[in-house]
Amino acid sequence: MRIAGRVLAEGLKKLKAMIKPGVNVLELDAAFAKHIADNDCQSNFKGYQGFPATICVSINEQLIHGIPTDRVIKEGDIVSVDGGCIYQG
């Protein structure tokens, strides 16, 4: 759990740095997927009850567990991201 937690924390920090106007939400999902794969982890979101992505992204009026789409982040958007990963599990 310690390794997965570290990989998750690093991945979320990378996403935080990426979140700015003009970024496509699918880019965030791809970046997180690459990060966890590069660290020998797997997503525990993708495929769970059919969930199609490695992260949840909610923008503005979306409450929680938003599915990443090709939506582009705009100035003033409130963006929430959640992720998870598994190491050797």
PDB file of N, CA and C in Angstrom:
ATOM      1  N   MET A   1       0.814  -1.193   0.000  1.00  0.00           N
ATOM      2  CA  MET A   1       0.000   0.000   0.000  1.00  0.00           C
ATOM      3  C   MET A   1       0.861   1.260   0.000  1.00  0.00           C
ATOM      4  N   ARG A   2       2.012   1.172   0.621  1.00  0.00           N
ATOM      5  CA  ARG A   2       2.884   2.341   0.691  1.00  0.00           C
ATOM      6  C   ARG A   2       3.346   2.762  -0.711  1.00  0.00           C
ATOM      7  N   ILE A   3       3.727   1.769  -1.523  1.00  0.00           N
ATOM      8  CA  ILE A   3       4.193   2.092  -2.877  1.00  0.00           C
ATOM      9  C   ILE A   3       3.047   2.662  -3.706  1.00  0.00           C
ATOM     10  N   ALA A   4       1.891   2.014  -3.657  1.00  0.00           N
ATOM     11  CA  ALA A   4       0.737   2.520  -4.416  1.00  0.00           C
ATOM     12  C   ALA A   4       0.360   3.924  -3.958  1.00  0.00           C
ATOM     13  N   GLY A   5       0.415   4.176  -2.658  1.00  0.00           N
ATOM     14  CA  GLY A   5       0.105   5.507  -2.133  1.00  0.00           C
ATOM     15  C   GLY A   5       1.079   6.559  -2.620  1.00  0.00           C
ATOM     16  N   ARG A   6       2.359   6.190  -2.674  1.00  0.00           N
ATOM     17  CA  ARG A   6       3.374   7.125  -3.166  1.00  0.00           C
ATOM     18  C   ARG A   6       3.144   7.428  -4.643  1.00  0.00           C
ATOM     19  N   VAL A   7       2.912   6.372  -5.426  1.00  0.00           N
ATOM     20  CA  VAL A   7       2.678   6.549  -6.866  1.00  0.00           C
ATOM     21  C   VAL A   7       1.431   7.402  -7.094  1.00  0.00           C
ATOM     22  N   LEU A   8       0.381   7.145  -6.327  1.00  0.00           N
ATOM     23  CA  LEU A   8      -0.844   7.936  -6.441  1.00  0.00           C
ATOM     24  C   LEU A   8      -0.582   9.402  -6.117  1.00  0.00           C
ATOM     25  N   ALA A   9       0.103   9.660  -5.009  1.00  0.00           N
ATOM     26  CA  ALA A   9       0.384  11.051  -4.611  1.00  0.00           C
ATOM     27  C   ALA A   9       1.201  11.770  -5.674  1.00  0.00           C
ATOM     28  N   GLU A  10       2.220  11.104  -6.202  1.00  0.00           N
ATOM     29  CA  GLU A  10       3.041  11.720  -7.255  1.00  0.00           C
ATOM     30  C   GLU A  10       2.206  11.993  -8.502  1.00  0.00           C
ATOM     31  N   GLY A  11       1.345  11.041  -8.858  1.00  0.00           N
ATOM     32  CA  GLY A  11       0.500  11.211 -10.042  1.00  0.00           C
ATOM     33  C   GLY A  11      -0.470  12.367  -9.898  1.00  0.00           C
ATOM     34  N   LEU A  12      -1.071  12.490  -8.723  1.00  0.00           N
ATOM     35  CA  LEU A  12      -2.003  13.599  -8.503  1.00  0.00           C
ATOM     36  C   LEU A  12      -1.275  14.943  -8.507  1.00  0.00           C
ATOM     37  N   LYS A  13      -0.043  14.975  -7.999  1.00  0.00           N
ATOM     38  CA  LYS A  13       0.749  16.214  -8.062  1.00  0.00           C
ATOM     39  C   LYS A  13       1.043  16.594  -9.507  1.00  0.00           C
ATOM     40  N   LYS A  14       1.351  15.594 -10.337  1.00  0.00           N
ATOM     41  CA  LYS A  14       1.587  15.872 -11.759  1.00  0.00           C
ATOM     42  C   LYS A  14       0.331  16.441 -12.412  1.00  0.00           C
ATOM     43  N   LEU A  15      -0.811  15.854 -12.085  1.00  0.00           N
ATOM     44  CA  LEU A  15      -2.061  16.355 -12.660  1.00  0.00           C
ATOM     45  C   LEU A  15      -2.352  17.771 -12.196  1.00  0.00           C
ATOM     46  N   LYS A  16      -2.095  18.045 -10.929  1.00  0.00           N
ATOM     47  CA  LYS A  16      -2.320  19.398 -10.404  1.00  0.00           C
ATOM     48  C   LYS A  16      -1.530  20.424 -11.212  1.00  0.00           C
ATOM     49  N   ALA A  17      -0.293  20.080 -11.547  1.00  0.00           N
ATOM     50  CA  ALA A  17       0.545  20.995 -12.332  1.00  0.00           C
ATOM     51  C   ALA A  17       0.030  21.155 -13.764  1.00  0.00           C
ATOM     52  N   MET A  18      -0.669  20.147 -14.270  1.00  0.00           N
ATOM     53  CA  MET A  18      -1.176  20.192 -15.647  1.00  0.00           C
ATOM     54  C   MET A  18      -2.484  20.957 -15.774  1.00  0.00           C
ATOM     55  N   ILE A  19      -3.237  21.059 -14.694  1.00  0.00           N
ATOM     56  CA  ILE A  19      -4.579  21.645 -14.770  1.00  0.00           C
ATOM     57  C   ILE A  19      -4.488  23.153 -14.963  1.00  0.00           C
ATOM     58  N   LYS A  20      -4.854  23.577 -16.170  1.00  0.00           N
ATOM     59  CA  LYS A  20      -4.861  25.001 -16.518  1.00  0.00           C
ATOM     60  C   LYS A  20      -5.736  25.177 -17.753  1.00  0.00           C
ATOM     61  N   PRO A  21      -6.148  26.392 -18.036  1.00  0.00           N
ATOM     62  CA  PRO A  21      -6.987  26.627 -19.206  1.00  0.00           C
ATOM     63  C   PRO A  21      -6.334  26.090 -20.480  1.00  0.00           C
ATOM     64  N   GLY A  22      -7.163  25.456 -21.312  1.00  0.00           N
ATOM     65  CA  GLY A  22      -6.701  24.928 -22.586  1.00  0.00           C
ATOM     66  C   GLY A  22      -6.356  23.450 -22.563  1.00  0.00           C
ATOM     67  N   VAL A  23      -6.280  22.857 -21.385  1.00  0.00           N
ATOM     68  CA  VAL A  23      -5.934  21.438 -21.286  1.00  0.00           C
ATOM     69  C   VAL A  23      -7.194  20.590 -21.454  1.00  0.00           C
ATOM     70  N   ASN A  24      -7.092  19.579 -22.292  1.00  0.00           N
ATOM     71  CA  ASN A  24      -8.177  18.639 -22.509  1.00  0.00           C
ATOM     72  C   ASN A  24      -8.165  17.625 -21.363  1.00  0.00           C
ATOM     73  N   VAL A  25      -9.321  17.338 -20.805  1.00  0.00           N
ATOM     74  CA  VAL A  25      -9.416  16.428 -19.660  1.00  0.00           C
ATOM     75  C   VAL A  25      -8.885  15.035 -20.004  1.00  0.00           C
ATOM     76  N   LEU A  26      -9.033  14.603 -21.248  1.00  0.00           N
ATOM     77  CA  LEU A  26      -8.500  13.298 -21.636  1.00  0.00           C
ATOM     78  C   LEU A  26      -6.976  13.258 -21.527  1.00  0.00           C
ATOM     79  N   GLU A  27      -6.321  14.415 -21.673  1.00  0.00           N
ATOM     80  CA  GLU A  27      -4.868  14.479 -21.481  1.00  0.00           C
ATOM     81  C   GLU A  27      -4.507  14.156 -20.036  1.00  0.00           C
ATOM     82  N   LEU A  28      -5.329  14.587 -19.100  1.00  0.00           N
ATOM     83  CA  LEU A  28      -5.084  14.285 -17.688  1.00  0.00           C
ATOM     84  C   LEU A  28      -5.170  12.783 -17.448  1.00  0.00           C
ATOM     85  N   ASP A  29      -6.199  12.159 -18.006  1.00  0.00           N
ATOM     86  CA  ASP A  29      -6.360  10.718 -17.836  1.00  0.00           C
ATOM     87  C   ASP A  29      -5.182   9.963 -18.447  1.00  0.00           C
ATOM     88  N   ALA A  30      -4.762  10.360 -19.637  1.00  0.00           N
ATOM     89  CA  ALA A  30      -3.634   9.696 -20.297  1.00  0.00           C
ATOM     90  C   ALA A  30      -2.344   9.876 -19.501  1.00  0.00           C
ATOM     91  N   ALA A  31      -2.127  11.061 -18.955  1.00  0.00           N
ATOM     92  CA  ALA A  31      -0.916  11.320 -18.173  1.00  0.00           C
ATOM     93  C   ALA A  31      -0.895  10.479 -16.902  1.00  0.00           C
ATOM     94  N   PHE A  32      -2.044  10.350 -16.245  1.00  0.00           N
ATOM     95  CA  PHE A  32      -2.103   9.544 -15.026  1.00  0.00           C
ATOM     96  C   PHE A  32      -1.913   8.069 -15.358  1.00  0.00           C
ATOM     97  N   ALA A  33      -2.536   7.605 -16.433  1.00  0.00           N
ATOM     98  CA  ALA A  33      -2.382   6.206 -16.846  1.00  0.00           C
ATOM     99  C   ALA A  33      -0.918   5.890 -17.132  1.00  0.00           C
ATOM    100  N   LYS A  34      -0.234   6.791 -17.817  1.00  0.00           N
ATOM    101  CA  LYS A  34       1.188   6.591 -18.118  1.00  0.00           C
ATOM    102  C   LYS A  34       2.010   6.587 -16.835  1.00  0.00           C
ATOM    103  N   HIS A  35       1.726   7.503 -15.947  1.00  0.00           N
ATOM    104  CA  HIS A  35       2.484   7.598 -14.699  1.00  0.00           C
ATOM    105  C   HIS A  35       2.370   6.312 -13.880  1.00  0.00           C
ATOM    106  N   ILE A  36       1.163   5.809 -13.714  1.00  0.00           N
ATOM    107  CA  ILE A  36       1.041   4.609 -12.883  1.00  0.00           C
ATOM    108  C   ILE A  36       1.647   3.395 -13.586  1.00  0.00           C
ATOM    109  N   ALA A  37       1.499   3.301 -14.909  1.00  0.00           N
ATOM    110  CA  ALA A  37       2.108   2.184 -15.644  1.00  0.00           C
ATOM    111  C   ALA A  37       3.631   2.244 -15.559  1.00  0.00           C
ATOM    112  N   ASP A  38       4.192   3.443 -15.669  1.00  0.00           N
ATOM    113  CA  ASP A  38       5.648   3.611 -15.569  1.00  0.00           C
ATOM    114  C   ASP A  38       6.175   3.204 -14.196  1.00  0.00           C
ATOM    115  N   ASN A  39       5.288   3.161 -13.210  1.00  0.00           N
ATOM    116  CA  ASN A  39       5.669   2.793 -11.844  1.00  0.00           C
ATOM    117  C   ASN A  39       5.126   1.417 -11.445  1.00  0.00           C
ATOM    118  N   ASP A  40       4.876   0.581 -12.463  1.00  0.00           N
ATOM    119  CA  ASP A  40       4.446  -0.810 -12.250  1.00  0.00           C
ATOM    120  C   ASP A  40       3.152  -0.940 -11.449  1.00  0.00           C
ATOM    121  N   CYS A  41       2.252   0.008 -11.622  1.00  0.00           N
ATOM    122  CA  CYS A  41       0.951  -0.044 -10.955  1.00  0.00           C
ATOM    123  C   CYS A  41      -0.153  -0.142 -12.007  1.00  0.00           C
ATOM    124  N   GLN A  42      -1.338  -0.504 -11.534  1.00  0.00           N
ATOM    125  CA  GLN A  42      -2.518  -0.556 -12.384  1.00  0.00           C
ATOM    126  C   GLN A  42      -3.606   0.309 -11.753  1.00  0.00           C
ATOM    127  N   SER A  43      -4.489   0.795 -12.606  1.00  0.00           N
ATOM    128  CA  SER A  43      -5.613   1.594 -12.117  1.00  0.00           C
ATOM    129  C   SER A  43      -6.612   0.692 -11.404  1.00  0.00           C
ATOM    130  N   ASN A  44      -7.104   1.144 -10.268  1.00  0.00           N
ATOM    131  CA  ASN A  44      -8.199   0.403  -9.646  1.00  0.00           C
ATOM    132  C   ASN A  44      -9.546   1.063  -9.951  1.00  0.00           C
ATOM    133  N   PHE A  45      -9.546   2.080 -10.800  1.00  0.00           N
ATOM    134  CA  PHE A  45     -10.784   2.705 -11.265  1.00  0.00           C
ATOM    135  C   PHE A  45     -11.210   2.101 -12.608  1.00  0.00           C
ATOM    136  N   LYS A  46     -10.252   2.037 -13.543  1.00  0.00           N
ATOM    137  CA  LYS A  46     -10.578   1.603 -14.903  1.00  0.00           C
ATOM    138  C   LYS A  46     -11.089   0.163 -14.894  1.00  0.00           C
ATOM    139  N   GLY A  47     -12.266  -0.005 -15.445  1.00  0.00           N
ATOM    140  CA  GLY A  47     -12.870  -1.321 -15.521  1.00  0.00           C
ATOM    141  C   GLY A  47     -13.746  -1.675 -14.330  1.00  0.00           C
ATOM    142  N   TYR A  48     -13.637  -0.933 -13.238  1.00  0.00           N
ATOM    143  CA  TYR A  48     -14.474  -1.222 -12.076  1.00  0.00           C
ATOM    144  C   TYR A  48     -15.921  -0.870 -12.401  1.00  0.00           C
ATOM    145  N   GLN A  49     -16.769  -1.854 -12.389  1.00  0.00           N
ATOM    146  CA  GLN A  49     -18.176  -1.699 -12.762  1.00  0.00           C
ATOM    147  C   GLN A  49     -18.319  -0.934 -14.077  1.00  0.00           C
ATOM    148  N   GLY A  50     -17.403  -1.206 -14.996  1.00  0.00           N
ATOM    149  CA  GLY A  50     -17.447  -0.617 -16.325  1.00  0.00           C
ATOM    150  C   GLY A  50     -16.881   0.786 -16.445  1.00  0.00           C
ATOM    151  N   PHE A  51     -16.270   1.315 -15.365  1.00  0.00           N
ATOM    152  CA  PHE A  51     -15.728   2.682 -15.439  1.00  0.00           C
ATOM    153  C   PHE A  51     -14.639   2.722 -16.507  1.00  0.00           C
ATOM    154  N   PRO A  52     -14.698   3.696 -17.434  1.00  0.00           N
ATOM    155  CA  PRO A  52     -13.820   3.683 -18.603  1.00  0.00           C
ATOM    156  C   PRO A  52     -12.477   4.404 -18.463  1.00  0.00           C
ATOM    157  N   ALA A  53     -12.162   4.949 -17.302  1.00  0.00           N
ATOM    158  CA  ALA A  53     -10.969   5.798 -17.199  1.00  0.00           C
ATOM    159  C   ALA A  53     -10.156   5.469 -15.949  1.00  0.00           C
ATOM    160  N   THR A  54      -8.945   6.040 -15.893  1.00  0.00           N
ATOM    161  CA  THR A  54      -8.069   5.804 -14.739  1.00  0.00           C
ATOM    162  C   THR A  54      -8.270   6.831 -13.638  1.00  0.00           C
ATOM    163  N   ILE A  55      -8.938   7.937 -13.945  1.00  0.00           N
ATOM    164  CA  ILE A  55      -9.221   8.974 -12.952  1.00  0.00           C
ATOM    165  C   ILE A  55     -10.675   9.418 -13.082  1.00  0.00           C
ATOM    166  N   CYS A  56     -11.154  10.079 -12.054  1.00  0.00           N
ATOM    167  CA  CYS A  56     -12.435  10.782 -12.103  1.00  0.00           C
ATOM    168  C   CYS A  56     -12.112  12.269 -12.167  1.00  0.00           C
ATOM    169  N   VAL A  57     -12.786  12.989 -13.041  1.00  0.00           N
ATOM    170  CA  VAL A  57     -12.581  14.434 -13.159  1.00  0.00           C
ATOM    171  C   VAL A  57     -13.945  15.107 -13.156  1.00  0.00           C
ATOM    172  N   SER A  58     -14.130  15.997 -12.212  1.00  0.00           N
ATOM    173  CA  SER A  58     -15.385  16.744 -12.127  1.00  0.00           C
ATOM    174  C   SER A  58     -15.078  18.228 -12.283  1.00  0.00           C
ATOM    175  N   ILE A  59     -15.839  18.890 -13.125  1.00  0.00           N
ATOM    176  CA  ILE A  59     -15.628  20.314 -13.386  1.00  0.00           C
ATOM    177  C   ILE A  59     -16.905  21.077 -13.040  1.00  0.00           C
ATOM    178  N   ASN A  60     -16.718  22.106 -12.231  1.00  0.00           N
ATOM    179  CA  ASN A  60     -17.796  23.017 -11.847  1.00  0.00           C
ATOM    180  C   ASN A  60     -19.008  22.296 -11.269  1.00  0.00           C
ATOM    181  N   GLU A  61     -20.088  22.216 -12.035  1.00  0.00           N
ATOM    182  CA  GLU A  61     -21.359  21.701 -11.532  1.00  0.00           C
ATOM    183  C   GLU A  61     -21.385  20.186 -11.356  1.00  0.00           C
ATOM    184  N   GLN A  62     -20.414  19.491 -11.904  1.00  0.00           N
ATOM    185  CA  GLN A  62     -20.367  18.039 -11.721  1.00  0.00           C
ATOM    186  C   GLN A  62     -19.997  17.751 -10.272  1.00  0.00           C
ATOM    187  N   LEU A  63     -20.737  16.884  -9.632  1.00  0.00           N
ATOM    188  CA  LEU A  63     -20.508  16.643  -8.211  1.00  0.00           C
ATOM    189  C   LEU A  63     -19.245  15.834  -7.965  1.00  0.00           C
ATOM    190  N   ILE A  64     -19.289  14.551  -8.219  1.00  0.00           N
ATOM    191  CA  ILE A  64     -18.121  13.693  -8.010  1.00  0.00           C
ATOM    192  C   ILE A  64     -18.117  12.585  -9.045  1.00  0.00           C
ATOM    193  N   HIS A  65     -16.998  11.934  -9.167  1.00  0.00           N
ATOM    194  CA  HIS A  65     -16.828  10.762 -10.022  1.00  0.00           C
ATOM    195  C   HIS A  65     -17.185  11.026 -11.482  1.00  0.00           C
ATOM    196  N   GLY A  66     -16.813  12.196 -11.972  1.00  0.00           N
ATOM    197  CA  GLY A  66     -17.042  12.521 -13.372  1.00  0.00           C
ATOM    198  C   GLY A  66     -16.152  11.688 -14.279  1.00  0.00           C
ATOM    199  N   ILE A  67     -16.704  11.256 -15.388  1.00  0.00           N
ATOM    200  CA  ILE A  67     -15.946  10.482 -16.371  1.00  0.00           C
ATOM    201  C   ILE A  67     -15.216  11.460 -17.285  1.00  0.00           C
ATOM    202  N   PRO A  68     -13.898  11.285 -17.453  1.00  0.00           N
ATOM    203  CA  PRO A  68     -13.156  12.187 -18.335  1.00  0.00           C
ATOM    204  C   PRO A  68     -13.712  12.172 -19.764  1.00  0.00           C
ATOM    205  N   THR A  69     -13.848  13.356 -20.323  1.00  0.00           N
ATOM    206  CA  THR A  69     -14.302  13.526 -21.705  1.00  0.00           C
ATOM    207  C   THR A  69     -13.303  14.435 -22.410  1.00  0.00           C
ATOM    208  N   ASP A  70     -13.619  14.818 -23.633  1.00  0.00           N
ATOM    209  CA  ASP A  70     -12.720  15.715 -24.361  1.00  0.00           C
ATOM    210  C   ASP A  70     -12.984  17.184 -24.025  1.00  0.00           C
ATOM    211  N   ARG A  71     -13.604  17.422 -22.904  1.00  0.00           N
ATOM    212  CA  ARG A  71     -13.855  18.793 -22.431  1.00  0.00           C
ATOM    213  C   ARG A  71     -12.524  19.505 -22.180  1.00  0.00           C
ATOM    214  N   VAL A  72     -12.463  20.755 -22.562  1.00  0.00           N
ATOM    215  CA  VAL A  72     -11.261  21.570 -22.363  1.00  0.00           C
ATOM    216  C   VAL A  72     -11.479  22.471 -21.150  1.00  0.00           C
ATOM    217  N   ILE A  73     -10.492  22.506 -20.276  1.00  0.00           N
ATOM    218  CA  ILE A  73     -10.573  23.333 -19.070  1.00  0.00           C
ATOM    219  C   ILE A  73     -10.514  24.804 -19.466  1.00  0.00           C
ATOM    220  N   LYS A  74     -11.407  25.598 -18.871  1.00  0.00           N
ATOM    221  CA  LYS A  74     -11.458  27.037 -19.153  1.00  0.00           C
ATOM    222  C   LYS A  74     -11.027  27.834 -17.930  1.00  0.00           C
ATOM    223  N   GLU A  75     -10.655  29.074 -18.153  1.00  0.00           N
ATOM    224  CA  GLU A  75     -10.305  29.986 -17.059  1.00  0.00           C
ATOM    225  C   GLU A  75     -11.469  30.045 -16.071  1.00  0.00           C
ATOM    226  N   GLY A  76     -11.185  29.889 -14.800  1.00  0.00           N
ATOM    227  CA  GLY A  76     -12.198  29.975 -13.764  1.00  0.00           C
ATOM    228  C   GLY A  76     -12.881  28.661 -13.414  1.00  0.00           C
ATOM    229  N   ASP A  77     -12.628  27.605 -14.193  1.00  0.00           N
ATOM    230  CA  ASP A  77     -13.223  26.308 -13.882  1.00  0.00           C
ATOM    231  C   ASP A  77     -12.707  25.791 -12.543  1.00  0.00           C
ATOM    232  N   ILE A  78     -13.583  25.145 -11.805  1.00  0.00           N
ATOM    233  CA  ILE A  78     -13.201  24.451 -10.578  1.00  0.00           C
ATOM    234  C   ILE A  78     -13.088  22.978 -10.946  1.00  0.00           C
ATOM    235  N   VAL A  79     -11.883  22.434 -10.808  1.00  0.00           N
ATOM    236  CA  VAL A  79     -11.596  21.070 -11.256  1.00  0.00           C
ATOM    237  C   VAL A  79     -11.250  20.194 -10.058  1.00  0.00           C
ATOM    238  N   SER A  80     -11.928  19.063  -9.978  1.00  0.00           N
ATOM    239  CA  SER A  80     -11.665  18.076  -8.930  1.00  0.00           C
ATOM    240  C   SER A  80     -11.211  16.781  -9.595  1.00  0.00           C
ATOM    241  N   VAL A  81     -10.144  16.185  -9.076  1.00  0.00           N
ATOM    242  CA  VAL A  81      -9.599  14.949  -9.643  1.00  0.00           C
ATOM    243  C   VAL A  81      -9.449  13.916  -8.538  1.00  0.00           C
ATOM    244  N   ASP A  82      -9.787  12.683  -8.863  1.00  0.00           N
ATOM    245  CA  ASP A  82      -9.600  11.569  -7.939  1.00  0.00           C
ATOM    246  C   ASP A  82      -8.993  10.420  -8.727  1.00  0.00           C
ATOM    247  N   GLY A  83      -8.090   9.708  -8.112  1.00  0.00           N
ATOM    248  CA  GLY A  83      -7.457   8.576  -8.771  1.00  0.00           C
ATOM    249  C   GLY A  83      -7.158   7.485  -7.774  1.00  0.00           C
ATOM    250  N   GLY A  84      -6.729   6.360  -8.280  1.00  0.00           N
ATOM    251  CA  GLY A  84      -6.336   5.256  -7.422  1.00  0.00           C
ATOM    252  C   GLY A  84      -5.489   4.289  -8.212  1.00  0.00           C
ATOM    253  N   CYS A  85      -4.646   3.545  -7.511  1.00  0.00           N
ATOM    254  CA  CYS A  85      -3.832   2.553  -8.197  1.00  0.00           C
ATOM    255  C   CYS A  85      -3.508   1.388  -7.268  1.00  0.00           C
ATOM    256  N   ILE A  86      -3.118   0.296  -7.894  1.00  0.00           N
ATOM    257  CA  ILE A  86      -2.790  -0.942  -7.197  1.00  0.00           C
ATOM    258  C   ILE A  86      -1.368  -1.330  -7.578  1.00  0.00           C
ATOM    259  N   TYR A  87      -0.594  -1.753  -6.604  1.00  0.00           N
ATOM    260  CA  TYR A  87       0.761  -2.243  -6.849  1.00  0.00           C
ATOM    261  C   TYR A  87       0.808  -3.722  -6.491  1.00  0.00           C
ATOM    262  N   GLN A  88       1.219  -4.534  -7.435  1.00  0.00           N
ATOM    263  CA  GLN A  88       1.339  -5.985  -7.253  1.00  0.00           C
ATOM    264  C   GLN A  88       0.078  -6.598  -6.662  1.00  0.00           C
ATOM    265  N   GLY A  89      -1.046  -6.208  -7.214  1.00  0.00           N
ATOM    266  CA  GLY A  89      -2.261  -6.727  -6.622  1.00  0.00           C
ATOM    267  C   GLY A  89      -3.251  -7.193  -7.593  1.00  0.00           C
TER     268      GLY A  89
END
